[in-house]
Amino acid sequence: MYAVPLEEAWELFGGFLSGPRSAAVLVASCGPLADAARTALDSSLERLGWGACTYLAWPDGLDDPAALFMAIEGLDPCVLVIADAQMACLCEEAFHQKAPFLKAFRLNCRDCCAFESFAGMLDASDNKQRAWAALKTLPHRS
């Protein structure tokens, strides 16, 4: 029941995806995230018990909320991290729901946390702490 949509999502959107095929966490961004941001997210979500992340680097100019909805629902992550404001806007259109920044919320029955610019927050130590605090609002997994 879950394997077919997952495989279809990888078949359709595999060029935009990296990481484990069936990770519990999906990090979605418009364009690829910098290596430092990916390392920080992998480390943070590992510490929260979620394991490694799958990354969705949505191509610039592909403003198709229905396709984004199909990709996220097909991958069916337990947790969705929205890494930038542009992706937050696309998710809001796709799911018809506001995506508040820097705190946990539910998006279509999954735990979610959104950032205006996760990668940009890594430039200053106080912003790194705010990013980590926001991620810690997500449920921990043992």
C-alpha atoms as a PDB file:
ATOM      1  CA  MET A   1       0.000   0.000   0.000  1.00  0.00           C
ATOM      2  CA  TYR A   2       2.875   2.387   0.784  1.00  0.00           C
ATOM      3  CA  ALA A   3       5.520   0.937  -1.518  1.00  0.00           C
ATOM      4  CA  VAL A   4       3.722   1.680  -4.797  1.00  0.00           C
ATOM      5  CA  PRO A   5       3.268   5.463  -4.254  1.00  0.00           C
ATOM      6  CA  LEU A   6       6.826   5.672  -2.881  1.00  0.00           C
ATOM      7  CA  GLU A   7       8.259   3.996  -5.976  1.00  0.00           C
ATOM      8  CA  GLU A   8       6.101   6.158  -8.247  1.00  0.00           C
ATOM      9  CA  ALA A   9       7.318   9.302  -6.487  1.00  0.00           C
ATOM     10  CA  TRP A  10      10.947   8.239  -6.942  1.00  0.00           C
ATOM     11  CA  GLU A  11      10.262   7.375 -10.567  1.00  0.00           C
ATOM     12  CA  LEU A  12       8.594  10.721 -11.311  1.00  0.00           C
ATOM     13  CA  PHE A  13      10.677  13.023  -9.110  1.00  0.00           C
ATOM     14  CA  GLY A  14      13.905  11.051  -8.650  1.00  0.00           C
ATOM     15  CA  GLY A  15      15.927  13.718 -10.444  1.00  0.00           C
ATOM     16  CA  PHE A  16      15.039  16.126  -7.632  1.00  0.00           C
ATOM     17  CA  LEU A  17      15.575  13.631  -4.774  1.00  0.00           C
ATOM     18  CA  SER A  18      18.610  12.460  -2.848  1.00  0.00           C
ATOM     19  CA  GLY A  19      19.170  10.439   0.299  1.00  0.00           C
ATOM     20  CA  PRO A  20      17.476   7.263   1.497  1.00  0.00           C
ATOM     21  CA  ARG A  21      14.421   6.134  -0.479  1.00  0.00           C
ATOM     22  CA  SER A  22      12.210   5.550   2.523  1.00  0.00           C
ATOM     23  CA  ALA A  23      13.440   8.022   5.146  1.00  0.00           C
ATOM     24  CA  ALA A  24      10.986   9.154   7.816  1.00  0.00           C
ATOM     25  CA  VAL A  25      11.995  12.799   7.206  1.00  0.00           C
ATOM     26  CA  LEU A  26      11.699  14.760   3.978  1.00  0.00           C
ATOM     27  CA  VAL A  27      13.494  18.100   3.684  1.00  0.00           C
ATOM     28  CA  ALA A  28      12.009  20.171   0.873  1.00  0.00           C
ATOM     29  CA  SER A  29      13.673  23.247  -0.612  1.00  0.00           C
ATOM     30  CA  CYS A  30      13.537  25.260  -3.795  1.00  0.00           C
ATOM     31  CA  GLY A  31      16.824  24.335  -5.383  1.00  0.00           C
ATOM     32  CA  PRO A  32      19.479  22.233  -3.687  1.00  0.00           C
ATOM     33  CA  LEU A  33      20.511  22.960  -0.117  1.00  0.00           C
ATOM     34  CA  ALA A  34      24.136  23.733   0.661  1.00  0.00           C
ATOM     35  CA  ASP A  35      26.168  20.849   2.081  1.00  0.00           C
ATOM     36  CA  ALA A  36      26.474  22.640   5.449  1.00  0.00           C
ATOM     37  CA  ALA A  37      22.687  22.884   5.729  1.00  0.00           C
ATOM     38  CA  ARG A  38      22.235  19.227   4.828  1.00  0.00           C
ATOM     39  CA  THR A  39      24.853  18.168   7.355  1.00  0.00           C
ATOM     40  CA  ALA A  40      23.193  20.278  10.066  1.00  0.00           C
ATOM     41  CA  LEU A  41      19.751  18.859   9.297  1.00  0.00           C
ATOM     42  CA  ASP A  42      20.972  15.266   9.170  1.00  0.00           C
ATOM     43  CA  SER A  43      22.786  15.716  12.479  1.00  0.00           C
ATOM     44  CA  SER A  44      19.849  17.451  14.160  1.00  0.00           C
ATOM     45  CA  LEU A  45      17.232  14.970  13.022  1.00  0.00           C
ATOM     46  CA  GLU A  46      19.497  12.047  13.950  1.00  0.00           C
ATOM     47  CA  ARG A  47      19.700  13.511  17.477  1.00  0.00           C
ATOM     48  CA  LEU A  48      15.901  13.726  17.554  1.00  0.00           C
ATOM     49  CA  GLY A  49      15.769  10.008  16.680  1.00  0.00           C
ATOM     50  CA  TRP A  50      14.496  10.336  13.099  1.00  0.00           C
ATOM     51  CA  GLY A  51      17.558   9.125  11.200  1.00  0.00           C
ATOM     52  CA  ALA A  52      18.838  10.339   7.857  1.00  0.00           C
ATOM     53  CA  CYS A  53      16.749  12.645   5.675  1.00  0.00           C
ATOM     54  CA  THR A  54      15.571  12.431   2.095  1.00  0.00           C
ATOM     55  CA  TYR A  55      16.065  15.750   0.275  1.00  0.00           C
ATOM     56  CA  LEU A  56      13.718  17.184  -2.319  1.00  0.00           C
ATOM     57  CA  ALA A  57      15.395  19.989  -4.309  1.00  0.00           C
ATOM     58  CA  TRP A  58      12.436  21.427  -6.205  1.00  0.00           C
ATOM     59  CA  PRO A  59      13.604  23.053  -9.438  1.00  0.00           C
ATOM     60  CA  ASP A  60      13.402  26.828  -9.741  1.00  0.00           C
ATOM     61  CA  GLY A  61      10.610  27.817 -12.071  1.00  0.00           C
ATOM     62  CA  LEU A  62       8.537  24.666 -11.498  1.00  0.00           C
ATOM     63  CA  ASP A  63       5.608  26.436  -9.858  1.00  0.00           C
ATOM     64  CA  ASP A  64       3.290  23.442  -9.875  1.00  0.00           C
ATOM     65  CA  PRO A  65       1.641  22.939  -6.470  1.00  0.00           C
ATOM     66  CA  ALA A  66      -0.206  19.825  -7.705  1.00  0.00           C
ATOM     67  CA  ALA A  67       3.079  18.149  -8.655  1.00  0.00           C
ATOM     68  CA  LEU A  68       4.627  19.126  -5.321  1.00  0.00           C
ATOM     69  CA  PHE A  69       1.600  17.672  -3.526  1.00  0.00           C
ATOM     70  CA  MET A  70       2.013  14.443  -5.518  1.00  0.00           C
ATOM     71  CA  ALA A  71       5.722  14.250  -4.670  1.00  0.00           C
ATOM     72  CA  ILE A  72       5.275  14.809  -0.932  1.00  0.00           C
ATOM     73  CA  GLU A  73       2.246  12.540  -0.610  1.00  0.00           C
ATOM     74  CA  GLY A  74       3.938   9.809  -2.646  1.00  0.00           C
ATOM     75  CA  LEU A  75       7.040   9.923  -0.448  1.00  0.00           C
ATOM     76  CA  ASP A  76       4.740  10.044   2.607  1.00  0.00           C
ATOM     77  CA  PRO A  77       7.264  11.194   5.223  1.00  0.00           C
ATOM     78  CA  CYS A  78       6.411  11.235   8.920  1.00  0.00           C
ATOM     79  CA  VAL A  79       8.126  14.625   9.197  1.00  0.00           C
ATOM     80  CA  LEU A  80       8.429  17.381   6.604  1.00  0.00           C
ATOM     81  CA  VAL A  81      11.007  20.144   6.998  1.00  0.00           C
ATOM     82  CA  ILE A  82      10.387  23.105   4.701  1.00  0.00           C
ATOM     83  CA  ALA A  83      13.793  24.719   4.275  1.00  0.00           C
ATOM     84  CA  ASP A  84      12.966  28.075   2.653  1.00  0.00           C
ATOM     85  CA  ALA A  85      10.239  30.673   2.164  1.00  0.00           C
ATOM     86  CA  GLN A  86       9.723  29.869  -1.517  1.00  0.00           C
ATOM     87  CA  MET A  87       9.036  26.219  -0.691  1.00  0.00           C
ATOM     88  CA  ALA A  88       6.735  27.327   2.134  1.00  0.00           C
ATOM     89  CA  CYS A  89       4.681  29.316  -0.382  1.00  0.00           C
ATOM     90  CA  LEU A  90       4.469  26.322  -2.722  1.00  0.00           C
ATOM     91  CA  CYS A  91       3.434  24.055   0.161  1.00  0.00           C
ATOM     92  CA  GLU A  92       0.780  26.543   1.235  1.00  0.00           C
ATOM     93  CA  GLU A  93      -0.653  26.436  -2.295  1.00  0.00           C
ATOM     94  CA  ALA A  94      -0.353  22.662  -2.558  1.00  0.00           C
ATOM     95  CA  PHE A  95      -1.945  21.879   0.807  1.00  0.00           C
ATOM     96  CA  HIS A  96      -4.223  24.931   1.167  1.00  0.00           C
ATOM     97  CA  GLN A  97      -2.817  25.646   4.602  1.00  0.00           C
ATOM     98  CA  LYS A  98      -0.570  28.307   6.146  1.00  0.00           C
ATOM     99  CA  ALA A  99       2.981  27.206   7.001  1.00  0.00           C
ATOM    100  CA  PRO A 100       4.145  29.110  10.107  1.00  0.00           C
ATOM    101  CA  PHE A 101       7.884  29.560  10.526  1.00  0.00           C
ATOM    102  CA  LEU A 102      10.110  28.268  13.348  1.00  0.00           C
ATOM    103  CA  LYS A 103       7.619  26.039  15.136  1.00  0.00           C
ATOM    104  CA  ALA A 104       6.071  22.633  14.691  1.00  0.00           C
ATOM    105  CA  PHE A 105       2.703  22.331  13.024  1.00  0.00           C
ATOM    106  CA  ARG A 106       0.695  19.638  11.252  1.00  0.00           C
ATOM    107  CA  LEU A 107       0.460  19.593   7.477  1.00  0.00           C
ATOM    108  CA  ASN A 108      -1.889  17.006   6.017  1.00  0.00           C
ATOM    109  CA  CYS A 109      -1.496  14.637   8.985  1.00  0.00           C
ATOM    110  CA  ARG A 110       2.293  14.940   9.257  1.00  0.00           C
ATOM    111  CA  ASP A 111       4.561  16.829  11.597  1.00  0.00           C
ATOM    112  CA  CYS A 112       6.212  19.787   9.948  1.00  0.00           C
ATOM    113  CA  CYS A 113       8.597  22.653  10.654  1.00  0.00           C
ATOM    114  CA  ALA A 114       9.212  25.534   8.233  1.00  0.00           C
ATOM    115  CA  PHE A 115      12.042  28.023   7.851  1.00  0.00           C
ATOM    116  CA  GLU A 116      12.351  31.209   5.853  1.00  0.00           C
ATOM    117  CA  SER A 117      15.947  30.181   5.120  1.00  0.00           C
ATOM    118  CA  PHE A 118      17.416  27.279   7.063  1.00  0.00           C
ATOM    119  CA  ALA A 119      20.750  27.617   5.251  1.00  0.00           C
ATOM    120  CA  GLY A 120      20.870  31.348   5.998  1.00  0.00           C
ATOM    121  CA  MET A 121      20.355  30.687   9.709  1.00  0.00           C
ATOM    122  CA  LEU A 122      23.643  28.807   9.889  1.00  0.00           C
ATOM    123  CA  ASP A 123      25.666  31.998   9.363  1.00  0.00           C
ATOM    124  CA  ALA A 124      25.325  33.247  12.956  1.00  0.00           C
ATOM    125  CA  SER A 125      25.477  31.244  16.174  1.00  0.00           C
ATOM    126  CA  ASP A 126      22.340  32.819  17.659  1.00  0.00           C
ATOM    127  CA  ASN A 127      20.387  31.919  14.508  1.00  0.00           C
ATOM    128  CA  LYS A 128      21.795  28.376  14.633  1.00  0.00           C
ATOM    129  CA  GLN A 129      20.363  28.106  18.143  1.00  0.00           C
ATOM    130  CA  ARG A 130      16.975  29.408  16.919  1.00  0.00           C
ATOM    131  CA  ALA A 131      16.996  26.823  14.117  1.00  0.00           C
ATOM    132  CA  TRP A 132      17.840  24.010  16.545  1.00  0.00           C
ATOM    133  CA  ALA A 133      15.127  25.232  18.941  1.00  0.00           C
ATOM    134  CA  ALA A 134      12.603  25.170  16.093  1.00  0.00           C
ATOM    135  CA  LEU A 135      13.596  21.617  15.102  1.00  0.00           C
ATOM    136  CA  LYS A 136      13.258  20.521  18.732  1.00  0.00           C
ATOM    137  CA  THR A 137       9.564  21.489  18.620  1.00  0.00           C
ATOM    138  CA  LEU A 138       9.096  18.454  16.355  1.00  0.00           C
ATOM    139  CA  PRO A 139       8.250  15.207  18.132  1.00  0.00           C
ATOM    140  CA  HIS A 140      11.222  13.138  19.233  1.00  0.00           C
ATOM    141  CA  ARG A 141      11.409   9.538  18.113  1.00  0.00           C
ATOM    142  CA  SER A 142      12.996   6.858  20.241  1.00  0.00           C
END
